[in-house]
Amino acid sequence: MRNIKVDLALGLAGAAALCVMFGSITPASADNVPPGVTFWSGAFTGQTVNYPDPSTSCTTLPFTVHAELNNTSKYIQVYTTTDCTGPALTIPPTDIHNFTSFDARSFRVTS
């Protein structure tokens, strides 16, 4: 029969080794995420454009977009038209999303 103290010591040593090993791995930094809203022409591929301080006024996008990263605390709406009218998708704060079946051509902050 194995000694309980030996089992406990081996278990603690294994846990400590895992902590040391995984403690040296760092996740991707949030500092690398640009502020504001970033759009892509494809599903996070192709042309990109970033708006560090998006406005409540309508902003026409320079190309049709199919993905976004909303790194703000505000909701935004993206529209299929260039003048922020017609069908829209509402994007929540801190969202990353692609919408390949929706051709967005303009956007604005809604709250």
PDB file of N, CA and C in Angstrom:
ATOM      1  N   MET A   1       0.845  -1.171   0.000  1.00  0.00           N
ATOM      2  CA  MET A   1       0.000   0.000   0.000  1.00  0.00           C
ATOM      3  C   MET A   1       0.895   1.241   0.000  1.00  0.00           C
ATOM      4  N   ARG A   2       0.534   2.200  -0.859  1.00  0.00           N
ATOM      5  CA  ARG A   2       1.322   3.421  -0.963  1.00  0.00           C
ATOM      6  C   ARG A   2       1.047   4.334   0.219  1.00  0.00           C
ATOM      7  N   ASN A   3       2.020   5.091   0.542  1.00  0.00           N
ATOM      8  CA  ASN A   3       1.920   6.035   1.639  1.00  0.00           C
ATOM      9  C   ASN A   3       1.161   7.277   1.180  1.00  0.00           C
ATOM     10  N   ILE A   4       0.188   7.718   1.956  1.00  0.00           N
ATOM     11  CA  ILE A   4      -0.624   8.881   1.611  1.00  0.00           C
ATOM     12  C   ILE A   4       0.242  10.140   1.512  1.00  0.00           C
ATOM     13  N   LYS A   5       1.236  10.267   2.378  1.00  0.00           N
ATOM     14  CA  LYS A   5       2.114  11.440   2.340  1.00  0.00           C
ATOM     15  C   LYS A   5       2.920  11.484   1.039  1.00  0.00           C
ATOM     16  N   VAL A   6       3.359  10.308   0.576  1.00  0.00           N
ATOM     17  CA  VAL A   6       4.115  10.259  -0.680  1.00  0.00           C
ATOM     18  C   VAL A   6       3.210  10.647  -1.843  1.00  0.00           C
ATOM     19  N   ASP A   7       1.994  10.117  -1.886  1.00  0.00           N
ATOM     20  CA  ASP A   7       1.043  10.460  -2.948  1.00  0.00           C
ATOM     21  C   ASP A   7       0.740  11.960  -2.959  1.00  0.00           C
ATOM     22  N   LEU A   8       0.530  12.502  -1.766  1.00  0.00           N
ATOM     23  CA  LEU A   8       0.244  13.930  -1.660  1.00  0.00           C
ATOM     24  C   LEU A   8       1.428  14.766  -2.138  1.00  0.00           C
ATOM     25  N   ALA A   9       2.636  14.390  -1.757  1.00  0.00           N
ATOM     26  CA  ALA A   9       3.834  15.124  -2.158  1.00  0.00           C
ATOM     27  C   ALA A   9       4.015  15.057  -3.675  1.00  0.00           C
ATOM     28  N   LEU A  10       3.812  13.884  -4.256  1.00  0.00           N
ATOM     29  CA  LEU A  10       3.937  13.740  -5.711  1.00  0.00           C
ATOM     30  C   LEU A  10       2.866  14.567  -6.436  1.00  0.00           C
ATOM     31  N   GLY A  11       1.667  14.572  -5.901  1.00  0.00           N
ATOM     32  CA  GLY A  11       0.592  15.359  -6.505  1.00  0.00           C
ATOM     33  C   GLY A  11       0.878  16.852  -6.452  1.00  0.00           C
ATOM     34  N   LEU A  12       1.369  17.322  -5.321  1.00  0.00           N
ATOM     35  CA  LEU A  12       1.703  18.740  -5.180  1.00  0.00           C
ATOM     36  C   LEU A  12       2.878  19.125  -6.079  1.00  0.00           C
ATOM     37  N   ALA A  13       3.846  18.240  -6.200  1.00  0.00           N
ATOM     38  CA  ALA A  13       4.989  18.520  -7.076  1.00  0.00           C
ATOM     39  C   ALA A  13       4.534  18.591  -8.536  1.00  0.00           C
ATOM     40  N   GLY A  14       3.632  17.706  -8.925  1.00  0.00           N
ATOM     41  CA  GLY A  14       3.101  17.733 -10.295  1.00  0.00           C
ATOM     42  C   GLY A  14       2.310  19.002 -10.555  1.00  0.00           C
ATOM     43  N   ALA A  15       1.503  19.412  -9.595  1.00  0.00           N
ATOM     44  CA  ALA A  15       0.716  20.640  -9.744  1.00  0.00           C
ATOM     45  C   ALA A  15       1.629  21.859  -9.834  1.00  0.00           C
ATOM     46  N   ALA A  16       2.676  21.877  -9.026  1.00  0.00           N
ATOM     47  CA  ALA A  16       3.622  22.992  -9.060  1.00  0.00           C
ATOM     48  C   ALA A  16       4.339  23.053 -10.408  1.00  0.00           C
ATOM     49  N   ALA A  17       4.693  21.884 -10.944  1.00  0.00           N
ATOM     50  CA  ALA A  17       5.359  21.845 -12.257  1.00  0.00           C
ATOM     51  C   ALA A  17       4.433  22.388 -13.341  1.00  0.00           C
ATOM     52  N   LEU A  18       3.162  22.041 -13.286  1.00  0.00           N
ATOM     53  CA  LEU A  18       2.201  22.557 -14.266  1.00  0.00           C
ATOM     54  C   LEU A  18       2.039  24.069 -14.138  1.00  0.00           C
ATOM     55  N   CYS A  19       1.999  24.558 -12.905  1.00  0.00           N
ATOM     56  CA  CYS A  19       1.873  26.010 -12.701  1.00  0.00           C
ATOM     57  C   CYS A  19       3.071  26.746 -13.279  1.00  0.00           C
ATOM     58  N   VAL A  20       4.262  26.207 -13.072  1.00  0.00           N
ATOM     59  CA  VAL A  20       5.461  26.839 -13.604  1.00  0.00           C
ATOM     60  C   VAL A  20       5.440  26.788 -15.128  1.00  0.00           C
ATOM     61  N   MET A  21       5.079  25.629 -15.672  1.00  0.00           N
ATOM     62  CA  MET A  21       5.081  25.464 -17.123  1.00  0.00           C
ATOM     63  C   MET A  21       4.043  26.371 -17.787  1.00  0.00           C
ATOM     64  N   PHE A  22       2.815  26.366 -17.300  1.00  0.00           N
ATOM     65  CA  PHE A  22       1.764  27.159 -17.922  1.00  0.00           C
ATOM     66  C   PHE A  22       1.786  28.611 -17.488  1.00  0.00           C
ATOM     67  N   GLY A  23       2.404  28.899 -16.378  1.00  0.00           N
ATOM     68  CA  GLY A  23       2.519  30.277 -15.921  1.00  0.00           C
ATOM     69  C   GLY A  23       3.393  31.119 -16.834  1.00  0.00           C
ATOM     70  N   SER A  24       4.267  30.477 -17.590  1.00  0.00           N
ATOM     71  CA  SER A  24       5.147  31.218 -18.487  1.00  0.00           C
ATOM     72  C   SER A  24       4.496  31.496 -19.829  1.00  0.00           C
ATOM     73  N   ILE A  25       3.330  30.926 -20.089  1.00  0.00           N
ATOM     74  CA  ILE A  25       2.609  31.177 -21.325  1.00  0.00           C
ATOM     75  C   ILE A  25       1.674  32.352 -21.090  1.00  0.00           C
ATOM     76  N   THR A  26       1.793  33.366 -21.918  1.00  0.00           N
ATOM     77  CA  THR A  26       0.940  34.539 -21.747  1.00  0.00           C
ATOM     78  C   THR A  26      -0.070  34.614 -22.877  1.00  0.00           C
ATOM     79  N   PRO A  27      -1.300  34.973 -22.571  1.00  0.00           N
ATOM     80  CA  PRO A  27      -2.309  35.108 -23.624  1.00  0.00           C
ATOM     81  C   PRO A  27      -2.046  36.340 -24.480  1.00  0.00           C
ATOM     82  N   ALA A  28      -2.702  36.389 -25.620  1.00  0.00           N
ATOM     83  CA  ALA A  28      -2.591  37.565 -26.486  1.00  0.00           C
ATOM     84  C   ALA A  28      -3.019  38.794 -25.704  1.00  0.00           C
ATOM     85  N   SER A  29      -2.312  39.849 -25.885  1.00  0.00           N
ATOM     86  CA  SER A  29      -2.563  41.062 -25.124  1.00  0.00           C
ATOM     87  C   SER A  29      -3.728  41.851 -25.699  1.00  0.00           C
ATOM     88  N   ALA A  30      -4.568  42.355 -24.820  1.00  0.00           N
ATOM     89  CA  ALA A  30      -5.661  43.230 -25.245  1.00  0.00           C
ATOM     90  C   ALA A  30      -5.113  44.559 -25.750  1.00  0.00           C
ATOM     91  N   ASP A  31      -3.839  44.852 -25.419  1.00  0.00           N
ATOM     92  CA  ASP A  31      -3.220  46.091 -25.899  1.00  0.00           C
ATOM     93  C   ASP A  31      -3.046  46.093 -27.416  1.00  0.00           C
ATOM     94  N   ASN A  32      -3.084  44.912 -28.034  1.00  0.00           N
ATOM     95  CA  ASN A  32      -2.898  44.810 -29.482  1.00  0.00           C
ATOM     96  C   ASN A  32      -4.181  45.080 -30.251  1.00  0.00           C
ATOM     97  N   VAL A  33      -5.289  45.200 -29.572  1.00  0.00           N
ATOM     98  CA  VAL A  33      -6.573  45.438 -30.227  1.00  0.00           C
ATOM     99  C   VAL A  33      -6.731  46.942 -30.427  1.00  0.00           C
ATOM    100  N   PRO A  34      -6.955  47.366 -31.676  1.00  0.00           N
ATOM    101  CA  PRO A  34      -7.086  48.805 -31.903  1.00  0.00           C
ATOM    102  C   PRO A  34      -8.355  49.369 -31.264  1.00  0.00           C
ATOM    103  N   PRO A  35      -8.330  50.614 -30.818  1.00  0.00           N
ATOM    104  CA  PRO A  35      -9.540  51.221 -30.255  1.00  0.00           C
ATOM    105  C   PRO A  35     -10.553  51.504 -31.348  1.00  0.00           C
ATOM    106  N   GLY A  36     -11.794  51.670 -30.966  1.00  0.00           N
ATOM    107  CA  GLY A  36     -12.834  52.039 -31.918  1.00  0.00           C
ATOM    108  C   GLY A  36     -13.428  50.842 -32.633  1.00  0.00           C
ATOM    109  N   VAL A  37     -13.765  51.054 -33.898  1.00  0.00           N
ATOM    110  CA  VAL A  37     -14.407  50.015 -34.708  1.00  0.00           C
ATOM    111  C   VAL A  37     -13.517  49.727 -35.911  1.00  0.00           C
ATOM    112  N   THR A  38     -13.251  48.444 -36.138  1.00  0.00           N
ATOM    113  CA  THR A  38     -12.485  48.011 -37.297  1.00  0.00           C
ATOM    114  C   THR A  38     -13.383  47.179 -38.191  1.00  0.00           C
ATOM    115  N   PHE A  39     -13.314  47.429 -39.491  1.00  0.00           N
ATOM    116  CA  PHE A  39     -14.104  46.684 -40.469  1.00  0.00           C
ATOM    117  C   PHE A  39     -13.180  45.977 -41.453  1.00  0.00           C
ATOM    118  N   TRP A  40     -13.641  44.817 -41.966  1.00  0.00           N
ATOM    119  CA  TRP A  40     -12.944  44.054 -42.990  1.00  0.00           C
ATOM    120  C   TRP A  40     -13.872  43.847 -44.176  1.00  0.00           C
ATOM    121  N   SER A  41     -13.288  43.773 -45.369  1.00  0.00           N
ATOM    122  CA  SER A  41     -14.094  43.531 -46.570  1.00  0.00           C
ATOM    123  C   SER A  41     -14.553  42.071 -46.646  1.00  0.00           C
ATOM    124  N   GLY A  42     -13.790  41.157 -46.095  1.00  0.00           N
ATOM    125  CA  GLY A  42     -14.168  39.740 -46.057  1.00  0.00           C
ATOM    126  C   GLY A  42     -14.412  39.301 -44.629  1.00  0.00           C
ATOM    127  N   ALA A  43     -14.441  37.995 -44.420  1.00  0.00           N
ATOM    128  CA  ALA A  43     -14.616  37.449 -43.071  1.00  0.00           C
ATOM    129  C   ALA A  43     -13.264  37.524 -42.350  1.00  0.00           C
ATOM    130  N   PHE A  44     -12.906  38.738 -41.908  1.00  0.00           N
ATOM    131  CA  PHE A  44     -11.628  39.062 -41.260  1.00  0.00           C
ATOM    132  C   PHE A  44     -10.452  38.904 -42.214  1.00  0.00           C
ATOM    133  N   THR A  45     -10.718  39.160 -43.491  1.00  0.00           N
ATOM    134  CA  THR A  45      -9.693  39.137 -44.527  1.00  0.00           C
ATOM    135  C   THR A  45      -9.912  40.333 -45.443  1.00  0.00           C
ATOM    136  N   GLY A  46      -8.941  40.585 -46.304  1.00  0.00           N
ATOM    137  CA  GLY A  46      -9.096  41.642 -47.293  1.00  0.00           C
ATOM    138  C   GLY A  46      -8.797  43.022 -46.734  1.00  0.00           C
ATOM    139  N   GLN A  47      -9.430  44.016 -47.330  1.00  0.00           N
ATOM    140  CA  GLN A  47      -9.219  45.408 -46.930  1.00  0.00           C
ATOM    141  C   GLN A  47      -9.707  45.631 -45.498  1.00  0.00           C
ATOM    142  N   THR A  48      -9.038  46.525 -44.781  1.00  0.00           N
ATOM    143  CA  THR A  48      -9.466  46.898 -43.431  1.00  0.00           C
ATOM    144  C   THR A  48      -9.490  48.413 -43.302  1.00  0.00           C
ATOM    145  N   VAL A  49     -10.336  48.857 -42.403  1.00  0.00           N
ATOM    146  CA  VAL A  49     -10.384  50.276 -42.053  1.00  0.00           C
ATOM    147  C   VAL A  49     -10.763  50.363 -40.582  1.00  0.00           C
ATOM    148  N   ASN A  50     -10.132  51.307 -39.866  1.00  0.00           N
ATOM    149  CA  ASN A  50     -10.400  51.492 -38.445  1.00  0.00           C
ATOM    150  C   ASN A  50     -10.885  52.914 -38.195  1.00  0.00           C
ATOM    151  N   TYR A  51     -11.899  53.023 -37.348  1.00  0.00           N
ATOM    152  CA  TYR A  51     -12.424  54.319 -36.914  1.00  0.00           C
ATOM    153  C   TYR A  51     -12.223  54.400 -35.405  1.00  0.00           C
ATOM    154  N   PRO A  52     -11.143  55.062 -34.937  1.00  0.00           N
ATOM    155  CA  PRO A  52     -10.821  55.088 -33.510  1.00  0.00           C
ATOM    156  C   PRO A  52     -11.889  55.751 -32.643  1.00  0.00           C
ATOM    157  N   ASP A  53     -12.610  56.704 -33.191  1.00  0.00           N
ATOM    158  CA  ASP A  53     -13.626  57.429 -32.425  1.00  0.00           C
ATOM    159  C   ASP A  53     -14.900  57.531 -33.274  1.00  0.00           C
ATOM    160  N   PRO A  54     -15.654  56.438 -33.400  1.00  0.00           N
ATOM    161  CA  PRO A  54     -16.836  56.453 -34.273  1.00  0.00           C
ATOM    162  C   PRO A  54     -17.880  57.459 -33.801  1.00  0.00           C
ATOM    163  N   SER A  55     -18.640  57.964 -34.763  1.00  0.00           N
ATOM    164  CA  SER A  55     -19.584  59.055 -34.523  1.00  0.00           C
ATOM    165  C   SER A  55     -21.038  58.583 -34.599  1.00  0.00           C
ATOM    166  N   THR A  56     -21.924  59.390 -34.030  1.00  0.00           N
ATOM    167  CA  THR A  56     -23.359  59.152 -34.180  1.00  0.00           C
ATOM    168  C   THR A  56     -23.843  59.622 -35.552  1.00  0.00           C
ATOM    169  N   SER A  57     -23.008  60.382 -36.255  1.00  0.00           N
ATOM    170  CA  SER A  57     -23.334  60.775 -37.630  1.00  0.00           C
ATOM    171  C   SER A  57     -23.076  59.587 -38.552  1.00  0.00           C
ATOM    172  N   CYS A  58     -23.763  59.558 -39.663  1.00  0.00           N
ATOM    173  CA  CYS A  58     -23.583  58.488 -40.630  1.00  0.00           C
ATOM    174  C   CYS A  58     -22.187  58.567 -41.251  1.00  0.00           C
ATOM    175  N   THR A  59     -21.508  57.421 -41.286  1.00  0.00           N
ATOM    176  CA  THR A  59     -20.190  57.319 -41.914  1.00  0.00           C
ATOM    177  C   THR A  59     -20.283  56.326 -43.063  1.00  0.00           C
ATOM    178  N   THR A  60     -19.982  56.782 -44.267  1.00  0.00           N
ATOM    179  CA  THR A  60     -19.963  55.895 -45.427  1.00  0.00           C
ATOM    180  C   THR A  60     -18.647  55.127 -45.429  1.00  0.00           C
ATOM    181  N   LEU A  61     -18.735  53.825 -45.562  1.00  0.00           N
ATOM    182  CA  LEU A  61     -17.541  52.986 -45.575  1.00  0.00           C
ATOM    183  C   LEU A  61     -16.861  53.052 -46.946  1.00  0.00           C
ATOM    184  N   PRO A  62     -15.530  52.940 -46.993  1.00  0.00           N
ATOM    185  CA  PRO A  62     -14.815  53.057 -48.263  1.00  0.00           C
ATOM    186  C   PRO A  62     -14.952  51.825 -49.166  1.00  0.00           C
ATOM    187  N   PHE A  63     -15.492  50.744 -48.630  1.00  0.00           N
ATOM    188  CA  PHE A  63     -15.720  49.513 -49.379  1.00  0.00           C
ATOM    189  C   PHE A  63     -16.814  48.737 -48.651  1.00  0.00           C
ATOM    190  N   THR A  64     -17.401  47.764 -49.316  1.00  0.00           N
ATOM    191  CA  THR A  64     -18.424  46.924 -48.685  1.00  0.00           C
ATOM    192  C   THR A  64     -17.746  46.043 -47.641  1.00  0.00           C
ATOM    193  N   VAL A  65     -18.321  46.011 -46.425  1.00  0.00           N
ATOM    194  CA  VAL A  65     -17.694  45.245 -45.341  1.00  0.00           C
ATOM    195  C   VAL A  65     -18.545  44.031 -44.966  1.00  0.00           C
ATOM    196  N   HIS A  66     -17.833  43.002 -44.448  1.00  0.00           N
ATOM    197  CA  HIS A  66     -18.479  41.748 -44.052  1.00  0.00           C
ATOM    198  C   HIS A  66     -18.020  41.249 -42.687  1.00  0.00           C
ATOM    199  N   ALA A  67     -17.269  42.073 -41.955  1.00  0.00           N
ATOM    200  CA  ALA A  67     -16.840  41.695 -40.603  1.00  0.00           C
ATOM    201  C   ALA A  67     -16.482  42.956 -39.833  1.00  0.00           C
ATOM    202  N   GLU A  68     -16.600  42.857 -38.509  1.00  0.00           N
ATOM    203  CA  GLU A  68     -16.292  44.011 -37.660  1.00  0.00           C
ATOM    204  C   GLU A  68     -15.749  43.578 -36.318  1.00  0.00           C
ATOM    205  N   LEU A  69     -14.998  44.485 -35.705  1.00  0.00           N
ATOM    206  CA  LEU A  69     -14.571  44.387 -34.322  1.00  0.00           C
ATOM    207  C   LEU A  69     -14.971  45.699 -33.673  1.00  0.00           C
ATOM    208  N   ASN A  70     -15.971  45.652 -32.803  1.00  0.00           N
ATOM    209  CA  ASN A  70     -16.447  46.848 -32.112  1.00  0.00           C
ATOM    210  C   ASN A  70     -15.760  46.910 -30.754  1.00  0.00           C
ATOM    211  N   ASN A  71     -14.641  47.593 -30.695  1.00  0.00           N
ATOM    212  CA  ASN A  71     -13.880  47.719 -29.459  1.00  0.00           C
ATOM    213  C   ASN A  71     -14.237  49.042 -28.775  1.00  0.00           C
ATOM    214  N   THR A  72     -15.548  49.242 -28.578  1.00  0.00           N
ATOM    215  CA  THR A  72     -16.056  50.425 -27.888  1.00  0.00           C
ATOM    216  C   THR A  72     -17.068  49.972 -26.836  1.00  0.00           C
ATOM    217  N   SER A  73     -17.573  50.904 -26.088  1.00  0.00           N
ATOM    218  CA  SER A  73     -18.631  50.616 -25.103  1.00  0.00           C
ATOM    219  C   SER A  73     -19.995  50.999 -25.653  1.00  0.00           C
ATOM    220  N   LYS A  74     -20.086  51.193 -26.972  1.00  0.00           N
ATOM    221  CA  LYS A  74     -21.329  51.666 -27.588  1.00  0.00           C
ATOM    222  C   LYS A  74     -21.844  50.696 -28.640  1.00  0.00           C
ATOM    223  N   TYR A  75     -23.149  50.744 -28.856  1.00  0.00           N
ATOM    224  CA  TYR A  75     -23.769  49.983 -29.935  1.00  0.00           C
ATOM    225  C   TYR A  75     -23.553  50.727 -31.250  1.00  0.00           C
ATOM    226  N   ILE A  76     -23.362  49.969 -32.313  1.00  0.00           N
ATOM    227  CA  ILE A  76     -23.303  50.579 -33.636  1.00  0.00           C
ATOM    228  C   ILE A  76     -24.291  49.841 -34.541  1.00  0.00           C
ATOM    229  N   GLN A  77     -24.705  50.531 -35.586  1.00  0.00           N
ATOM    230  CA  GLN A  77     -25.531  49.901 -36.609  1.00  0.00           C
ATOM    231  C   GLN A  77     -24.811  50.020 -37.935  1.00  0.00           C
ATOM    232  N   VAL A  78     -24.818  48.915 -38.693  1.00  0.00           N
ATOM    233  CA  VAL A  78     -24.268  48.919 -40.044  1.00  0.00           C
ATOM    234  C   VAL A  78     -25.430  48.745 -41.008  1.00  0.00           C
ATOM    235  N   TYR A  79     -25.355  49.467 -42.126  1.00  0.00           N
ATOM    236  CA  TYR A  79     -26.458  49.532 -43.092  1.00  0.00           C
ATOM    237  C   TYR A  79     -26.008  49.053 -44.469  1.00  0.00           C
ATOM    238  N   THR A  80     -26.970  48.593 -45.256  1.00  0.00           N
ATOM    239  CA  THR A  80     -26.673  48.167 -46.627  1.00  0.00           C
ATOM    240  C   THR A  80     -26.577  49.340 -47.585  1.00  0.00           C
ATOM    241  N   THR A  81     -27.014  50.507 -47.167  1.00  0.00           N
ATOM    242  CA  THR A  81     -26.969  51.703 -48.008  1.00  0.00           C
ATOM    243  C   THR A  81     -25.792  52.584 -47.582  1.00  0.00           C
ATOM    244  N   THR A  82     -25.467  53.565 -48.379  1.00  0.00           N
ATOM    245  CA  THR A  82     -24.365  54.480 -48.042  1.00  0.00           C
ATOM    246  C   THR A  82     -24.814  55.666 -47.188  1.00  0.00           C
ATOM    247  N   ASP A  83     -26.135  55.751 -46.897  1.00  0.00           N
ATOM    248  CA  ASP A  83     -26.639  56.902 -46.133  1.00  0.00           C
ATOM    249  C   ASP A  83     -27.333  56.508 -44.826  1.00  0.00           C
ATOM    250  N   CYS A  84     -26.991  55.348 -44.291  1.00  0.00           N
ATOM    251  CA  CYS A  84     -27.525  54.877 -42.996  1.00  0.00           C
ATOM    252  C   CYS A  84     -29.049  54.797 -42.980  1.00  0.00           C
ATOM    253  N   THR A  85     -29.616  54.326 -44.063  1.00  0.00           N
ATOM    254  CA  THR A  85     -31.057  54.072 -44.122  1.00  0.00           C
ATOM    255  C   THR A  85     -31.257  52.621 -44.566  1.00  0.00           C
ATOM    256  N   GLY A  86     -32.454  52.130 -44.379  1.00  0.00           N
ATOM    257  CA  GLY A  86     -32.766  50.777 -44.827  1.00  0.00           C
ATOM    258  C   GLY A  86     -32.346  49.710 -43.834  1.00  0.00           C
ATOM    259  N   PRO A  87     -32.213  48.468 -44.308  1.00  0.00           N
ATOM    260  CA  PRO A  87     -31.873  47.355 -43.417  1.00  0.00           C
ATOM    261  C   PRO A  87     -30.551  47.593 -42.688  1.00  0.00           C
ATOM    262  N   ALA A  88     -30.524  47.199 -41.414  1.00  0.00           N
ATOM    263  CA  ALA A  88     -29.327  47.398 -40.591  1.00  0.00           C
ATOM    264  C   ALA A  88     -29.124  46.220 -39.651  1.00  0.00           C
ATOM    265  N   LEU A  89     -27.878  46.036 -39.278  1.00  0.00           N
ATOM    266  CA  LEU A  89     -27.518  45.102 -38.206  1.00  0.00           C
ATOM    267  C   LEU A  89     -27.070  45.932 -37.016  1.00  0.00           C
ATOM    268  N   THR A  90     -27.504  45.547 -35.825  1.00  0.00           N
ATOM    269  CA  THR A  90     -27.052  46.222 -34.609  1.00  0.00           C
ATOM    270  C   THR A  90     -25.930  45.399 -33.994  1.00  0.00           C
ATOM    271  N   ILE A  91     -24.812  46.059 -33.770  1.00  0.00           N
ATOM    272  CA  ILE A  91     -23.613  45.417 -33.238  1.00  0.00           C
ATOM    273  C   ILE A  91     -23.418  45.877 -31.793  1.00  0.00           C
ATOM    274  N   PRO A  92     -23.366  44.936 -30.846  1.00  0.00           N
ATOM    275  CA  PRO A  92     -23.191  45.328 -29.441  1.00  0.00           C
ATOM    276  C   PRO A  92     -21.749  45.752 -29.129  1.00  0.00           C
ATOM    277  N   PRO A  93     -21.559  46.402 -27.987  1.00  0.00           N
ATOM    278  CA  PRO A  93     -20.204  46.778 -27.562  1.00  0.00           C
ATOM    279  C   PRO A  93     -19.310  45.545 -27.433  1.00  0.00           C
ATOM    280  N   THR A  94     -18.032  45.737 -27.623  1.00  0.00           N
ATOM    281  CA  THR A  94     -16.989  44.710 -27.499  1.00  0.00           C
ATOM    282  C   THR A  94     -17.338  43.438 -28.262  1.00  0.00           C
ATOM    283  N   ASP A  95     -17.807  43.602 -29.477  1.00  0.00           N
ATOM    284  CA  ASP A  95     -18.228  42.477 -30.307  1.00  0.00           C
ATOM    285  C   ASP A  95     -17.251  42.257 -31.452  1.00  0.00           C
ATOM    286  N   ILE A  96     -17.051  41.009 -31.799  1.00  0.00           N
ATOM    287  CA  ILE A  96     -16.331  40.663 -33.022  1.00  0.00           C
ATOM    288  C   ILE A  96     -17.243  39.709 -33.774  1.00  0.00           C
ATOM    289  N   HIS A  97     -17.486  40.016 -35.049  1.00  0.00           N
ATOM    290  CA  HIS A  97     -18.565  39.331 -35.765  1.00  0.00           C
ATOM    291  C   HIS A  97     -18.312  39.401 -37.266  1.00  0.00           C
ATOM    292  N   ASN A  98     -18.694  38.343 -37.982  1.00  0.00           N
ATOM    293  CA  ASN A  98     -18.692  38.465 -39.440  1.00  0.00           C
ATOM    294  C   ASN A  98     -20.107  38.249 -39.938  1.00  0.00           C
ATOM    295  N   PHE A  99     -20.405  38.877 -41.048  1.00  0.00           N
ATOM    296  CA  PHE A  99     -21.753  38.823 -41.619  1.00  0.00           C
ATOM    297  C   PHE A  99     -21.606  38.772 -43.141  1.00  0.00           C
ATOM    298  N   THR A 100     -21.171  37.621 -43.625  1.00  0.00           N
ATOM    299  CA  THR A 100     -20.848  37.486 -45.049  1.00  0.00           C
ATOM    300  C   THR A 100     -22.070  37.579 -45.957  1.00  0.00           C
ATOM    301  N   SER A 101     -23.258  37.384 -45.408  1.00  0.00           N
ATOM    302  CA  SER A 101     -24.462  37.490 -46.243  1.00  0.00           C
ATOM    303  C   SER A 101     -25.106  38.882 -46.161  1.00  0.00           C
ATOM    304  N   PHE A 102     -24.425  39.831 -45.519  1.00  0.00           N
ATOM    305  CA  PHE A 102     -24.930  41.194 -45.356  1.00  0.00           C
ATOM    306  C   PHE A 102     -23.866  42.148 -45.883  1.00  0.00           C
ATOM    307  N   ASP A 103     -24.200  42.951 -46.872  1.00  0.00           N
ATOM    308  CA  ASP A 103     -23.265  43.908 -47.466  1.00  0.00           C
ATOM    309  C   ASP A 103     -23.406  45.267 -46.791  1.00  0.00           C
ATOM    310  N   ALA A 104     -22.529  45.549 -45.836  1.00  0.00           N
ATOM    311  CA  ALA A 104     -22.595  46.818 -45.109  1.00  0.00           C
ATOM    312  C   ALA A 104     -21.831  47.901 -45.867  1.00  0.00           C
ATOM    313  N   ARG A 105     -22.483  49.071 -46.009  1.00  0.00           N
ATOM    314  CA  ARG A 105     -21.870  50.185 -46.747  1.00  0.00           C
ATOM    315  C   ARG A 105     -21.783  51.476 -45.938  1.00  0.00           C
ATOM    316  N   SER A 106     -22.410  51.497 -44.752  1.00  0.00           N
ATOM    317  CA  SER A 106     -22.314  52.679 -43.870  1.00  0.00           C
ATOM    318  C   SER A 106     -22.605  52.230 -42.449  1.00  0.00           C
ATOM    319  N   PHE A 107     -22.276  53.105 -41.487  1.00  0.00           N
ATOM    320  CA  PHE A 107     -22.519  52.786 -40.071  1.00  0.00           C
ATOM    321  C   PHE A 107     -22.619  54.061 -39.251  1.00  0.00           C
ATOM    322  N   ARG A 108     -23.123  53.893 -38.024  1.00  0.00           N
ATOM    323  CA  ARG A 108     -23.138  54.979 -37.041  1.00  0.00           C
ATOM    324  C   ARG A 108     -23.292  54.394 -35.647  1.00  0.00           C
ATOM    325  N   VAL A 109     -22.874  55.155 -34.654  1.00  0.00           N
ATOM    326  CA  VAL A 109     -23.060  54.798 -33.246  1.00  0.00           C
ATOM    327  C   VAL A 109     -24.509  55.085 -32.898  1.00  0.00           C
ATOM    328  N   THR A 110     -25.149  54.162 -32.166  1.00  0.00           N
ATOM    329  CA  THR A 110     -26.550  54.375 -31.802  1.00  0.00           C
ATOM    330  C   THR A 110     -26.748  54.633 -30.321  1.00  0.00           C
ATOM    331  N   SER A 111     -25.781  54.330 -29.497  1.00  0.00           N
ATOM    332  CA  SER A 111     -25.909  54.639 -28.065  1.00  0.00           C
ATOM    333  C   SER A 111     -24.553  54.705 -27.406  1.00  0.00           C
TER     334      SER A 111
END
